[in-house]
N, C-alpha and C. Protein backbone atom coordinates (compact mmCIF):
# COMPACT_ATOMS: atom_id res chain seq x y z
N MET A 1 125.81 104.50 77.01
CA MET A 1 124.70 105.22 76.42
C MET A 1 123.40 104.50 76.78
N PRO A 2 122.39 105.23 77.29
CA PRO A 2 121.13 104.58 77.66
C PRO A 2 120.38 104.06 76.44
N LYS A 3 119.67 102.97 76.68
CA LYS A 3 118.86 102.40 75.61
C LYS A 3 117.62 103.26 75.41
N LEU A 4 117.28 103.50 74.15
CA LEU A 4 116.09 104.29 73.84
C LEU A 4 114.84 103.55 74.30
N GLY A 5 113.91 104.27 74.86
CA GLY A 5 112.65 103.68 75.29
C GLY A 5 112.69 103.06 76.66
N MET A 6 113.84 103.08 77.32
CA MET A 6 113.95 102.46 78.65
C MET A 6 113.46 103.36 79.78
N GLU A 7 113.42 104.66 79.55
CA GLU A 7 113.04 105.56 80.63
C GLU A 7 111.66 105.24 81.21
N PRO A 8 110.60 105.08 80.40
CA PRO A 8 109.30 104.78 81.00
C PRO A 8 109.30 103.44 81.75
N ILE A 9 110.02 102.47 81.24
CA ILE A 9 110.08 101.16 81.89
C ILE A 9 110.80 101.29 83.23
N ARG A 10 111.90 102.00 83.24
CA ARG A 10 112.66 102.17 84.48
C ARG A 10 111.91 103.01 85.50
N LYS A 11 111.24 104.07 85.03
CA LYS A 11 110.45 104.89 85.95
C LYS A 11 109.33 104.07 86.58
N ALA A 12 108.66 103.25 85.76
CA ALA A 12 107.59 102.40 86.29
C ALA A 12 108.15 101.41 87.32
N ALA A 13 109.32 100.86 87.05
CA ALA A 13 109.95 99.93 88.00
C ALA A 13 110.28 100.64 89.30
N LEU A 14 110.76 101.87 89.21
CA LEU A 14 111.08 102.64 90.41
C LEU A 14 109.82 102.99 91.21
N VAL A 15 108.75 103.32 90.52
CA VAL A 15 107.49 103.64 91.20
C VAL A 15 107.00 102.40 91.96
N LYS A 16 106.98 101.26 91.29
CA LYS A 16 106.54 100.03 91.96
C LYS A 16 107.46 99.67 93.12
N ALA A 17 108.76 99.85 92.94
CA ALA A 17 109.71 99.56 94.02
C ALA A 17 109.50 100.51 95.19
N THR A 18 109.17 101.77 94.91
CA THR A 18 108.90 102.74 95.97
C THR A 18 107.71 102.29 96.80
N ILE A 19 106.65 101.87 96.15
CA ILE A 19 105.45 101.41 96.85
C ILE A 19 105.77 100.19 97.71
N VAL A 20 106.51 99.24 97.16
CA VAL A 20 106.86 98.03 97.91
C VAL A 20 107.73 98.38 99.12
N GLU A 21 108.71 99.24 98.93
CA GLU A 21 109.61 99.60 100.03
C GLU A 21 108.88 100.38 101.13
N ILE A 22 107.97 101.27 100.75
CA ILE A 22 107.18 101.98 101.77
C ILE A 22 106.34 100.98 102.53
N GLY A 23 105.73 100.03 101.82
CA GLY A 23 104.93 98.99 102.48
C GLY A 23 105.78 98.14 103.41
N ARG A 24 106.99 97.80 102.97
CA ARG A 24 107.88 96.98 103.79
C ARG A 24 108.28 97.72 105.06
N ALA A 25 108.64 98.99 104.90
CA ALA A 25 109.11 99.79 106.03
C ALA A 25 107.94 100.32 106.87
N GLY A 26 106.80 100.50 106.24
CA GLY A 26 105.66 101.09 106.93
C GLY A 26 105.82 102.58 107.14
N SER A 27 106.80 103.17 106.47
CA SER A 27 107.03 104.61 106.62
C SER A 27 107.80 105.12 105.40
N LEU A 28 108.04 106.42 105.40
CA LEU A 28 108.85 107.02 104.34
C LEU A 28 110.34 106.90 104.66
N ASP A 29 110.65 106.17 105.70
CA ASP A 29 112.04 105.98 106.12
C ASP A 29 112.71 104.91 105.28
N VAL A 30 112.74 105.16 103.98
CA VAL A 30 113.43 104.28 103.04
C VAL A 30 114.39 105.16 102.24
N THR A 31 115.43 104.55 101.73
CA THR A 31 116.42 105.31 100.99
C THR A 31 116.24 105.10 99.49
N VAL A 32 116.77 106.04 98.74
CA VAL A 32 116.76 105.90 97.28
C VAL A 32 117.54 104.64 96.90
N SER A 33 118.59 104.36 97.64
CA SER A 33 119.39 103.16 97.37
C SER A 33 118.55 101.88 97.54
N GLN A 34 117.74 101.81 98.59
CA GLN A 34 116.86 100.65 98.79
C GLN A 34 115.86 100.52 97.65
N ILE A 35 115.28 101.63 97.26
CA ILE A 35 114.30 101.62 96.17
C ILE A 35 114.96 101.19 94.87
N ALA A 36 116.10 101.79 94.57
CA ALA A 36 116.81 101.48 93.32
C ALA A 36 117.22 100.01 93.30
N LYS A 37 117.71 99.50 94.42
CA LYS A 37 118.12 98.10 94.49
C LYS A 37 116.93 97.19 94.19
N ARG A 38 115.78 97.49 94.79
CA ARG A 38 114.58 96.67 94.55
C ARG A 38 114.18 96.74 93.08
N ALA A 39 114.41 97.88 92.44
CA ALA A 39 114.06 98.06 91.03
C ALA A 39 115.13 97.51 90.10
N GLY A 40 116.26 97.10 90.67
CA GLY A 40 117.32 96.52 89.86
C GLY A 40 118.17 97.53 89.12
N MET A 41 118.37 98.69 89.74
CA MET A 41 119.21 99.71 89.10
C MET A 41 119.98 100.48 90.16
N SER A 42 120.83 101.37 89.72
CA SER A 42 121.66 102.14 90.64
C SER A 42 120.87 103.32 91.21
N SER A 43 121.31 103.78 92.38
CA SER A 43 120.66 104.95 92.97
C SER A 43 120.92 106.19 92.12
N ALA A 44 122.05 106.24 91.42
CA ALA A 44 122.33 107.37 90.53
C ALA A 44 121.30 107.45 89.41
N LEU A 45 120.92 106.30 88.86
CA LEU A 45 119.92 106.27 87.80
C LEU A 45 118.55 106.69 88.35
N ALA A 46 118.25 106.24 89.57
CA ALA A 46 116.99 106.63 90.20
C ALA A 46 116.94 108.15 90.38
N HIS A 47 118.02 108.73 90.85
CA HIS A 47 118.08 110.19 91.01
C HIS A 47 117.98 110.89 89.65
N HIS A 48 118.57 110.29 88.64
CA HIS A 48 118.51 110.86 87.29
C HIS A 48 117.05 110.97 86.83
N TYR A 49 116.26 109.92 87.07
CA TYR A 49 114.88 109.91 86.60
C TYR A 49 113.95 110.77 87.45
N PHE A 50 114.19 110.86 88.74
CA PHE A 50 113.24 111.56 89.61
C PHE A 50 113.82 112.78 90.31
N GLY A 51 115.12 112.87 90.43
CA GLY A 51 115.70 114.05 91.05
C GLY A 51 115.79 113.98 92.56
N SER A 52 114.78 113.41 93.22
CA SER A 52 114.80 113.34 94.68
C SER A 52 113.89 112.22 95.16
N LYS A 53 114.08 111.85 96.40
CA LYS A 53 113.24 110.83 97.02
C LYS A 53 111.79 111.33 97.11
N GLU A 54 111.63 112.60 97.39
CA GLU A 54 110.29 113.18 97.46
C GLU A 54 109.54 113.01 96.14
N GLU A 55 110.23 113.27 95.03
CA GLU A 55 109.61 113.11 93.71
C GLU A 55 109.23 111.65 93.44
N MET A 56 110.05 110.72 93.95
CA MET A 56 109.71 109.29 93.81
C MET A 56 108.43 108.98 94.58
N PHE A 57 108.33 109.50 95.80
CA PHE A 57 107.14 109.26 96.60
C PHE A 57 105.90 109.86 95.94
N LEU A 58 106.05 111.06 95.39
CA LEU A 58 104.91 111.69 94.70
C LEU A 58 104.51 110.89 93.47
N ALA A 59 105.49 110.39 92.72
CA ALA A 59 105.19 109.56 91.54
C ALA A 59 104.49 108.28 91.96
N ALA A 60 104.90 107.69 93.07
CA ALA A 60 104.26 106.47 93.57
C ALA A 60 102.80 106.76 93.95
N MET A 61 102.57 107.91 94.59
CA MET A 61 101.21 108.23 94.98
C MET A 61 100.35 108.56 93.77
N ARG A 62 100.92 109.23 92.77
CA ARG A 62 100.16 109.47 91.54
C ARG A 62 99.75 108.14 90.91
N HIS A 63 100.65 107.18 90.94
CA HIS A 63 100.35 105.86 90.39
C HIS A 63 99.20 105.20 91.16
N ILE A 64 99.27 105.25 92.48
CA ILE A 64 98.20 104.67 93.31
C ILE A 64 96.88 105.38 93.04
N LEU A 65 96.91 106.71 92.94
CA LEU A 65 95.69 107.46 92.66
C LEU A 65 95.14 107.16 91.27
N THR A 66 96.01 106.93 90.31
CA THR A 66 95.57 106.57 88.95
C THR A 66 94.87 105.22 88.96
N LEU A 67 95.45 104.25 89.65
CA LEU A 67 94.82 102.92 89.74
C LEU A 67 93.48 103.01 90.47
N TYR A 68 93.46 103.77 91.55
CA TYR A 68 92.22 103.95 92.30
C TYR A 68 91.14 104.60 91.43
N GLY A 69 91.51 105.65 90.73
CA GLY A 69 90.55 106.34 89.87
C GLY A 69 90.00 105.43 88.78
N ALA A 70 90.85 104.63 88.19
CA ALA A 70 90.39 103.70 87.14
C ALA A 70 89.42 102.68 87.71
N GLU A 71 89.71 102.20 88.91
CA GLU A 71 88.82 101.22 89.52
C GLU A 71 87.47 101.84 89.88
N VAL A 72 87.49 103.06 90.39
CA VAL A 72 86.24 103.74 90.71
C VAL A 72 85.42 103.98 89.44
N ARG A 73 86.07 104.45 88.38
CA ARG A 73 85.35 104.69 87.12
C ARG A 73 84.74 103.40 86.58
N GLY A 74 85.48 102.31 86.66
CA GLY A 74 84.95 101.02 86.21
C GLY A 74 83.76 100.58 87.05
N ALA A 75 83.85 100.76 88.37
CA ALA A 75 82.75 100.37 89.25
C ALA A 75 81.53 101.25 89.00
N LEU A 76 81.74 102.53 88.78
CA LEU A 76 80.61 103.44 88.52
C LEU A 76 79.95 103.14 87.18
N ALA A 77 80.73 102.73 86.21
CA ALA A 77 80.16 102.41 84.89
C ALA A 77 79.20 101.23 84.99
N ALA A 78 79.44 100.33 85.92
CA ALA A 78 78.58 99.15 86.07
C ALA A 78 77.43 99.39 87.04
N ALA A 79 77.47 100.50 87.79
CA ALA A 79 76.44 100.77 88.81
C ALA A 79 75.18 101.34 88.18
N GLN A 80 74.05 100.84 88.64
CA GLN A 80 72.77 101.35 88.15
C GLN A 80 71.97 101.88 89.33
N GLY A 81 71.71 103.16 89.31
CA GLY A 81 70.95 103.79 90.36
C GLY A 81 71.84 104.49 91.36
N PRO A 82 71.27 105.44 92.11
CA PRO A 82 72.07 106.27 93.02
C PRO A 82 72.72 105.48 94.17
N GLU A 83 71.99 104.56 94.78
CA GLU A 83 72.59 103.81 95.88
C GLU A 83 73.69 102.89 95.38
N ALA A 84 73.49 102.31 94.22
CA ALA A 84 74.52 101.44 93.63
C ALA A 84 75.79 102.24 93.33
N ARG A 85 75.64 103.50 92.95
CA ARG A 85 76.81 104.34 92.69
C ARG A 85 77.62 104.56 93.97
N VAL A 86 76.94 104.89 95.05
CA VAL A 86 77.63 105.12 96.32
C VAL A 86 78.32 103.84 96.77
N ARG A 87 77.59 102.72 96.68
CA ARG A 87 78.17 101.43 97.07
C ARG A 87 79.38 101.08 96.19
N ALA A 88 79.31 101.41 94.91
CA ALA A 88 80.42 101.11 94.00
C ALA A 88 81.69 101.87 94.41
N VAL A 89 81.53 103.12 94.79
CA VAL A 89 82.68 103.92 95.23
C VAL A 89 83.30 103.29 96.49
N LEU A 90 82.45 102.89 97.41
CA LEU A 90 82.96 102.30 98.66
C LEU A 90 83.64 100.95 98.40
N HIS A 91 83.02 100.13 97.58
CA HIS A 91 83.64 98.84 97.26
C HIS A 91 84.99 99.04 96.56
N ALA A 92 85.07 99.98 95.65
CA ALA A 92 86.33 100.25 94.95
C ALA A 92 87.40 100.75 95.92
N SER A 93 86.99 101.52 96.92
CA SER A 93 87.95 102.04 97.89
C SER A 93 88.63 100.92 98.68
N PHE A 94 87.94 99.81 98.83
CA PHE A 94 88.48 98.71 99.64
C PHE A 94 88.72 97.44 98.82
N SER A 95 88.86 97.60 97.51
CA SER A 95 89.09 96.45 96.63
C SER A 95 90.49 95.89 96.88
N PRO A 96 90.73 94.64 96.49
CA PRO A 96 92.06 94.06 96.69
C PRO A 96 93.18 94.86 96.01
N GLY A 97 92.90 95.50 94.90
CA GLY A 97 93.92 96.30 94.23
C GLY A 97 94.27 97.58 94.96
N ASN A 98 93.29 98.15 95.65
CA ASN A 98 93.51 99.41 96.36
C ASN A 98 93.82 99.24 97.84
N PHE A 99 93.29 98.20 98.44
CA PHE A 99 93.40 98.01 99.90
C PHE A 99 94.38 96.88 100.19
N ARG A 100 95.59 97.02 99.65
CA ARG A 100 96.65 96.04 99.92
C ARG A 100 97.68 96.73 100.82
N ARG A 101 98.45 95.94 101.53
CA ARG A 101 99.37 96.47 102.54
C ARG A 101 100.24 97.62 102.00
N GLU A 102 100.84 97.43 100.82
CA GLU A 102 101.73 98.47 100.28
C GLU A 102 100.98 99.77 100.02
N ALA A 103 99.80 99.66 99.43
CA ALA A 103 99.03 100.87 99.11
C ALA A 103 98.54 101.55 100.38
N VAL A 104 98.11 100.76 101.37
CA VAL A 104 97.65 101.33 102.63
C VAL A 104 98.79 102.08 103.32
N SER A 105 99.98 101.50 103.34
CA SER A 105 101.14 102.19 103.92
C SER A 105 101.47 103.45 103.15
N ALA A 106 101.38 103.38 101.84
CA ALA A 106 101.66 104.57 101.02
C ALA A 106 100.67 105.68 101.35
N TRP A 107 99.40 105.33 101.51
CA TRP A 107 98.40 106.34 101.86
C TRP A 107 98.73 107.00 103.20
N LEU A 108 99.06 106.20 104.20
CA LEU A 108 99.38 106.76 105.51
C LEU A 108 100.52 107.77 105.39
N ASN A 109 101.55 107.38 104.68
CA ASN A 109 102.70 108.26 104.53
C ASN A 109 102.39 109.46 103.64
N PHE A 110 101.49 109.28 102.70
CA PHE A 110 101.05 110.38 101.84
C PHE A 110 100.35 111.45 102.67
N TRP A 111 99.49 111.03 103.62
CA TRP A 111 98.81 112.00 104.48
C TRP A 111 99.82 112.79 105.30
N VAL A 112 100.86 112.11 105.79
CA VAL A 112 101.90 112.79 106.54
C VAL A 112 102.64 113.78 105.64
N MET A 113 103.00 113.31 104.46
CA MET A 113 103.73 114.14 103.51
C MET A 113 102.93 115.38 103.11
N ALA A 114 101.62 115.24 103.02
CA ALA A 114 100.76 116.35 102.61
C ALA A 114 100.77 117.50 103.62
N GLN A 115 101.23 117.24 104.83
CA GLN A 115 101.30 118.29 105.84
C GLN A 115 102.38 119.31 105.53
N THR A 116 103.43 118.88 104.79
CA THR A 116 104.56 119.78 104.56
C THR A 116 104.95 119.97 103.10
N VAL A 117 104.43 119.12 102.21
CA VAL A 117 104.83 119.19 100.80
C VAL A 117 103.64 119.69 99.97
N PRO A 118 103.73 120.88 99.40
CA PRO A 118 102.59 121.45 98.67
C PRO A 118 102.04 120.55 97.56
N GLU A 119 102.88 119.89 96.80
CA GLU A 119 102.39 119.02 95.72
C GLU A 119 101.61 117.83 96.28
N ALA A 120 102.05 117.29 97.40
CA ALA A 120 101.32 116.20 98.05
C ALA A 120 99.98 116.72 98.57
N ARG A 121 99.98 117.91 99.14
CA ARG A 121 98.73 118.51 99.63
C ARG A 121 97.75 118.71 98.47
N ARG A 122 98.27 119.16 97.33
CA ARG A 122 97.42 119.36 96.16
C ARG A 122 96.83 118.03 95.67
N LEU A 123 97.66 116.99 95.58
CA LEU A 123 97.16 115.68 95.15
C LEU A 123 96.11 115.14 96.12
N LEU A 124 96.34 115.32 97.40
CA LEU A 124 95.37 114.86 98.40
C LEU A 124 94.05 115.62 98.25
N ALA A 125 94.13 116.91 98.01
CA ALA A 125 92.91 117.71 97.82
C ALA A 125 92.15 117.25 96.58
N VAL A 126 92.86 116.92 95.51
CA VAL A 126 92.21 116.42 94.29
C VAL A 126 91.49 115.11 94.60
N TYR A 127 92.17 114.21 95.28
CA TYR A 127 91.54 112.93 95.65
C TYR A 127 90.29 113.17 96.50
N GLN A 128 90.40 114.02 97.52
CA GLN A 128 89.26 114.26 98.41
C GLN A 128 88.08 114.87 97.66
N ARG A 129 88.35 115.79 96.74
CA ARG A 129 87.26 116.39 95.95
C ARG A 129 86.58 115.34 95.07
N ARG A 130 87.39 114.49 94.44
CA ARG A 130 86.81 113.45 93.57
C ARG A 130 86.01 112.44 94.36
N LEU A 131 86.52 112.03 95.52
CA LEU A 131 85.77 111.10 96.35
C LEU A 131 84.43 111.72 96.75
N ARG A 132 84.47 112.94 97.22
CA ARG A 132 83.24 113.63 97.63
C ARG A 132 82.28 113.76 96.45
N SER A 133 82.79 114.17 95.31
CA SER A 133 81.96 114.34 94.12
C SER A 133 81.31 113.01 93.70
N ASN A 134 82.09 111.95 93.69
CA ASN A 134 81.55 110.63 93.31
C ASN A 134 80.48 110.17 94.29
N LEU A 135 80.68 110.44 95.57
CA LEU A 135 79.67 110.06 96.57
C LEU A 135 78.43 110.94 96.44
N MET A 136 78.63 112.22 96.19
CA MET A 136 77.52 113.17 96.14
C MET A 136 76.54 112.89 95.00
N VAL A 137 77.01 112.36 93.89
CA VAL A 137 76.11 112.10 92.76
C VAL A 137 74.95 111.21 93.21
N GLY A 138 75.27 110.14 93.91
CA GLY A 138 74.21 109.26 94.40
C GLY A 138 73.53 109.78 95.64
N LEU A 139 74.30 110.39 96.54
CA LEU A 139 73.72 110.83 97.82
C LEU A 139 72.74 111.99 97.66
N ARG A 140 72.93 112.85 96.65
CA ARG A 140 71.98 113.95 96.45
C ARG A 140 70.57 113.40 96.26
N VAL A 141 70.46 112.33 95.48
CA VAL A 141 69.15 111.72 95.22
C VAL A 141 68.64 111.01 96.47
N LEU A 142 69.53 110.32 97.16
CA LEU A 142 69.13 109.50 98.30
C LEU A 142 68.88 110.30 99.58
N ALA A 143 69.65 111.38 99.79
CA ALA A 143 69.63 112.04 101.08
C ALA A 143 69.33 113.53 101.02
N GLY A 144 69.15 114.06 99.83
CA GLY A 144 68.81 115.49 99.70
C GLY A 144 69.78 116.38 100.43
N PRO A 145 69.26 117.26 101.31
CA PRO A 145 70.13 118.22 101.99
C PRO A 145 71.13 117.58 102.96
N GLN A 146 70.90 116.32 103.32
CA GLN A 146 71.83 115.63 104.22
C GLN A 146 73.03 115.04 103.47
N ALA A 147 72.99 115.09 102.14
CA ALA A 147 74.04 114.47 101.32
C ALA A 147 75.45 114.96 101.65
N PRO A 148 75.69 116.27 101.77
CA PRO A 148 77.06 116.71 102.08
C PRO A 148 77.59 116.14 103.40
N ARG A 149 76.73 116.11 104.41
CA ARG A 149 77.14 115.59 105.72
C ARG A 149 77.48 114.10 105.62
N ILE A 150 76.66 113.34 104.91
CA ILE A 150 76.90 111.89 104.78
C ILE A 150 78.16 111.64 103.94
N ALA A 151 78.34 112.42 102.89
CA ALA A 151 79.55 112.27 102.06
C ALA A 151 80.79 112.57 102.88
N GLU A 152 80.73 113.61 103.71
CA GLU A 152 81.87 113.95 104.58
C GLU A 152 82.14 112.81 105.56
N GLY A 153 81.09 112.25 106.13
CA GLY A 153 81.25 111.13 107.06
C GLY A 153 81.84 109.90 106.39
N LEU A 154 81.37 109.61 105.18
CA LEU A 154 81.91 108.45 104.45
C LEU A 154 83.37 108.67 104.09
N GLY A 155 83.72 109.87 103.67
CA GLY A 155 85.12 110.18 103.34
C GLY A 155 86.01 110.01 104.56
N ALA A 156 85.56 110.52 105.70
CA ALA A 156 86.34 110.38 106.93
C ALA A 156 86.44 108.91 107.35
N LEU A 157 85.37 108.18 107.14
CA LEU A 157 85.37 106.76 107.49
C LEU A 157 86.34 105.98 106.60
N VAL A 158 86.36 106.27 105.31
CA VAL A 158 87.31 105.61 104.41
C VAL A 158 88.73 105.88 104.88
N ASP A 159 89.05 107.15 105.14
CA ASP A 159 90.39 107.50 105.61
C ASP A 159 90.71 106.79 106.93
N GLY A 160 89.76 106.79 107.84
CA GLY A 160 89.96 106.15 109.14
C GLY A 160 90.16 104.65 109.04
N LEU A 161 89.45 104.01 108.14
CA LEU A 161 89.61 102.56 107.96
C LEU A 161 90.98 102.25 107.38
N TYR A 162 91.49 103.09 106.50
CA TYR A 162 92.86 102.91 106.00
C TYR A 162 93.86 103.08 107.14
N LEU A 163 93.67 104.10 107.95
CA LEU A 163 94.57 104.36 109.06
C LEU A 163 94.58 103.18 110.04
N ARG A 164 93.42 102.68 110.38
CA ARG A 164 93.35 101.55 111.30
C ARG A 164 93.99 100.30 110.71
N GLU A 165 93.81 100.12 109.41
CA GLU A 165 94.35 98.93 108.76
C GLU A 165 95.87 98.91 108.80
N VAL A 166 96.50 100.06 108.63
CA VAL A 166 97.96 100.10 108.62
C VAL A 166 98.53 99.75 109.99
N LEU A 167 97.74 99.92 111.03
CA LEU A 167 98.20 99.62 112.39
C LEU A 167 97.98 98.16 112.78
N LYS A 168 97.25 97.41 111.96
CA LYS A 168 96.98 96.00 112.24
C LYS A 168 98.10 95.13 111.68
N SER A 169 98.16 93.92 112.19
CA SER A 169 99.07 92.94 111.58
C SER A 169 98.24 92.03 110.69
N GLY A 170 98.90 91.37 109.77
CA GLY A 170 98.20 90.50 108.85
C GLY A 170 97.73 91.23 107.62
N PRO A 171 97.18 90.47 106.68
CA PRO A 171 96.75 91.10 105.42
C PRO A 171 95.51 91.98 105.63
N PRO A 172 95.40 93.05 104.84
CA PRO A 172 94.23 93.92 104.94
C PRO A 172 92.94 93.17 104.61
N ASP A 173 91.89 93.52 105.31
CA ASP A 173 90.59 92.89 105.10
C ASP A 173 89.65 93.91 104.47
N GLY A 174 89.69 93.99 103.15
CA GLY A 174 88.88 94.96 102.43
C GLY A 174 87.39 94.70 102.55
N GLN A 175 87.01 93.43 102.64
CA GLN A 175 85.57 93.12 102.77
C GLN A 175 85.03 93.64 104.10
N ALA A 176 85.78 93.47 105.17
CA ALA A 176 85.33 93.96 106.47
C ALA A 176 85.29 95.49 106.48
N ALA A 177 86.29 96.12 105.87
CA ALA A 177 86.31 97.59 105.81
C ALA A 177 85.12 98.10 105.00
N ALA A 178 84.85 97.48 103.85
CA ALA A 178 83.71 97.89 103.04
C ALA A 178 82.40 97.69 103.80
N ALA A 179 82.30 96.59 104.52
CA ALA A 179 81.08 96.31 105.30
C ALA A 179 80.86 97.40 106.36
N THR A 180 81.92 97.87 106.98
CA THR A 180 81.80 98.95 107.97
C THR A 180 81.29 100.23 107.32
N ALA A 181 81.87 100.59 106.18
CA ALA A 181 81.44 101.80 105.47
C ALA A 181 79.99 101.66 104.99
N LEU A 182 79.64 100.49 104.48
CA LEU A 182 78.27 100.28 104.00
C LEU A 182 77.27 100.30 105.15
N ALA A 183 77.64 99.79 106.31
CA ALA A 183 76.75 99.84 107.48
C ALA A 183 76.49 101.29 107.89
N TYR A 184 77.53 102.12 107.83
CA TYR A 184 77.35 103.55 108.13
C TYR A 184 76.39 104.17 107.12
N LEU A 185 76.58 103.86 105.85
CA LEU A 185 75.70 104.39 104.80
C LEU A 185 74.26 103.99 105.07
N GLU A 186 74.03 102.71 105.35
CA GLU A 186 72.67 102.23 105.59
C GLU A 186 72.04 102.90 106.80
N THR A 187 72.81 103.07 107.87
CA THR A 187 72.30 103.74 109.07
C THR A 187 71.91 105.18 108.76
N GLU A 188 72.76 105.87 108.02
CA GLU A 188 72.48 107.26 107.67
C GLU A 188 71.25 107.36 106.77
N LEU A 189 71.13 106.47 105.80
CA LEU A 189 69.98 106.54 104.90
C LEU A 189 68.67 106.19 105.58
N LYS A 190 68.72 105.33 106.59
CA LYS A 190 67.49 105.00 107.36
C LYS A 190 66.98 106.21 108.11
N GLY A 191 67.89 107.11 108.48
CA GLY A 191 67.49 108.30 109.23
C GLY A 191 66.94 109.42 108.38
N ILE A 192 66.94 109.24 107.05
CA ILE A 192 66.44 110.27 106.16
C ILE A 192 64.92 110.12 106.03
N PRO A 193 64.17 111.19 106.31
CA PRO A 193 62.71 111.10 106.17
C PRO A 193 62.32 110.82 104.72
N ALA A 194 61.31 109.98 104.55
CA ALA A 194 60.86 109.60 103.22
C ALA A 194 60.08 110.70 102.55
């Protein structure tokens, strides 16, 4: 008989194990058995909680998106002024909590999954809308009618920096990635007529 209250603990362990295994493999080519073993439970129990490997991957991505969203909200709460808001979003995107090897690998595989899995596509669309919205709040003031174009460029740059990072060896360099995004922002803002 299962212990009462263990389901949330076990689900959280499976989500964390999924992220670690995706990071280790660098792809979605991991088995439920590998994930369950890392979480310290049987693959039958993992299937009981999630039903499928796809559902585990989606739960892992929801977890990553939740952590990312919390970090962005915290950074925005401390930001004062429109440019500080845009910078806060970019810094949060490349923070040590968000820009770690496991999370970067999960993102890469999430983009692939979104091509064929409707729920993954929906989650990706939610993330993209929120990123654009968070950038636009500051950019509207700073760049006026150019704000949508700059927000689109920054969003593409964030995605591209994640993609490039997953192809590198060694630990992710969030400071360098943030510096690249911030340099793009500064270049774009210099081109805006006063």
